[in-house]
Protein backbone atom coordinates (compact mmCIF):
# COMPACT_ATOMS: atom_id res chain seq x y z
CA UNK A 1 -4.47 -2.21 -9.07
CA UNK A 2 -3.29 0.14 -5.38
CA UNK A 3 -0.77 2.86 -5.72
CA UNK A 4 1.43 3.94 -3.36
CA UNK A 5 1.73 7.86 -3.78
CA UNK A 6 4.53 10.31 -3.25
CA UNK A 7 3.68 12.36 -0.71
CA UNK A 8 4.31 16.11 -0.85
CA UNK A 9 7.39 18.56 -0.54
CA UNK A 10 7.03 20.60 2.49
CA UNK A 11 8.41 24.92 2.40
CA UNK A 12 8.47 26.17 6.28
CA UNK A 13 8.32 30.27 6.16
CA UNK A 14 9.65 31.91 9.15
CA UNK A 15 10.42 35.56 9.78
CA UNK A 16 14.06 37.27 9.75
CA UNK A 17 15.02 39.84 11.93
CA UNK A 18 12.73 42.41 9.54
CA UNK A 19 8.86 41.16 9.61
CA UNK A 20 8.29 42.24 5.88
CA UNK A 21 11.26 39.99 4.93
CA UNK A 22 10.35 36.47 5.10
CA UNK A 23 12.72 33.94 5.06
CA UNK A 24 11.66 30.58 3.56
CA UNK A 25 13.57 26.66 4.67
CA UNK A 26 13.24 23.79 2.66
CA UNK A 27 12.14 20.87 4.57
CA UNK A 28 14.30 17.52 3.96
CA UNK A 29 12.53 15.20 1.11
CA UNK A 30 10.91 12.22 3.48
CA UNK A 31 9.63 8.67 1.93
CA UNK A 32 6.94 7.28 3.39
CA UNK A 33 6.21 3.82 2.73
CA UNK A 34 2.83 2.90 2.57
CA UNK A 35 1.31 -0.87 3.58
CA UNK A 36 -1.12 -2.98 1.03
CA UNK A 37 -3.46 -4.92 3.08
CA UNK A 38 -6.71 -7.29 2.66
CA UNK A 39 -7.97 -10.80 3.69
CA UNK A 40 -9.09 -13.62 0.56
CA UNK A 41 -12.05 -15.27 1.11
CA UNK A 42 -13.99 -17.47 -1.70
CA UNK A 43 -15.88 -15.79 -3.89
CA UNK A 44 -18.47 -18.30 -4.56
CA UNK A 45 -21.00 -15.88 -6.45
CA UNK A 46 -18.22 -13.99 -8.49
CA UNK A 47 -19.81 -10.89 -7.18
CA UNK A 48 -15.80 -9.82 -6.01
CA UNK A 49 -17.07 -8.50 -2.76
CA UNK A 50 -17.89 -10.52 0.85
CA UNK A 51 -21.44 -11.74 0.44
CA UNK A 52 -23.24 -13.99 2.83
CA UNK A 53 -23.22 -16.58 0.42
CA UNK A 54 -19.82 -16.93 0.79
CA UNK A 55 -18.05 -19.25 2.92
CA UNK A 56 -17.53 -17.77 6.11
CA UNK A 57 -13.84 -19.66 6.61
CA UNK A 58 -11.19 -17.55 6.33
CA UNK A 59 -8.72 -18.56 3.30
CA UNK A 60 -5.27 -19.38 5.44
CA UNK A 61 -1.69 -20.06 3.97
CA UNK A 62 -2.20 -18.89 0.09
CA UNK A 63 0.76 -16.91 -0.94
CA UNK A 64 -0.28 -12.99 -2.22
CA UNK A 65 1.80 -11.95 -3.92
CA UNK A 66 2.62 -7.88 -5.66
CA UNK A 67 2.56 -8.52 -9.95
CA UNK A 68 5.77 -5.73 -9.96
CA UNK A 69 5.71 -5.94 -14.06
CA UNK A 70 1.45 -6.53 -14.13
CA UNK A 71 1.28 -9.44 -16.90
CA UNK A 72 -1.42 -11.27 -13.94
CA UNK A 73 1.44 -13.82 -13.29
CA UNK A 74 4.05 -14.63 -10.20
CA UNK A 75 7.22 -13.87 -11.31
CA UNK A 76 10.95 -14.53 -9.33
CA UNK A 77 11.21 -11.27 -7.88
CA UNK A 78 7.87 -10.49 -7.33
CA UNK A 79 6.94 -9.66 -3.46
CA UNK A 80 5.39 -12.43 -1.66
CA UNK A 81 3.69 -13.04 1.59
CA UNK A 82 1.13 -15.23 3.27
CA UNK A 83 -2.39 -14.75 5.04
CA UNK A 84 -2.63 -15.63 8.53
CA UNK A 85 -4.85 -17.72 10.20
CA UNK A 86 -7.86 -15.05 9.25
CA UNK A 87 -6.80 -15.34 5.47
CA UNK A 88 -5.05 -11.10 6.53
CA UNK A 89 -2.20 -10.40 4.35
CA UNK A 90 0.08 -7.68 4.41
CA UNK A 91 2.79 -6.08 2.48
CA UNK A 92 4.64 -3.16 4.51
CA UNK A 93 7.45 -1.11 3.64
CA UNK A 94 6.55 -0.08 0.21
CA UNK A 95 7.73 2.58 -2.06
CA UNK A 96 5.04 4.57 -3.83
CA UNK A 97 4.00 2.90 -6.77
CA UNK A 98 1.45 1.54 -8.33
CA UNK A 99 1.27 -2.26 -7.14
């Protein structure tokens, strides 16, 4: 499970006409969008990581989904993408949350 976090709001302090009276100005709230990406491979030894005993051929054309309900199965509406010829995938423009 991967988590995209919400950035903290920033406050900028500037000096007014008198040095001893700082004025605070709140910058507008901004939401940064996140990306989740990776590569698929055939994990023959079930180690959970790529190792020399795993095939070096990429796993291309496979549909990858983000399990929004955290149930371990694809449901209509879950975002999907397809691996490229090198086995890479990417989900972009994601709001803060747990995926």
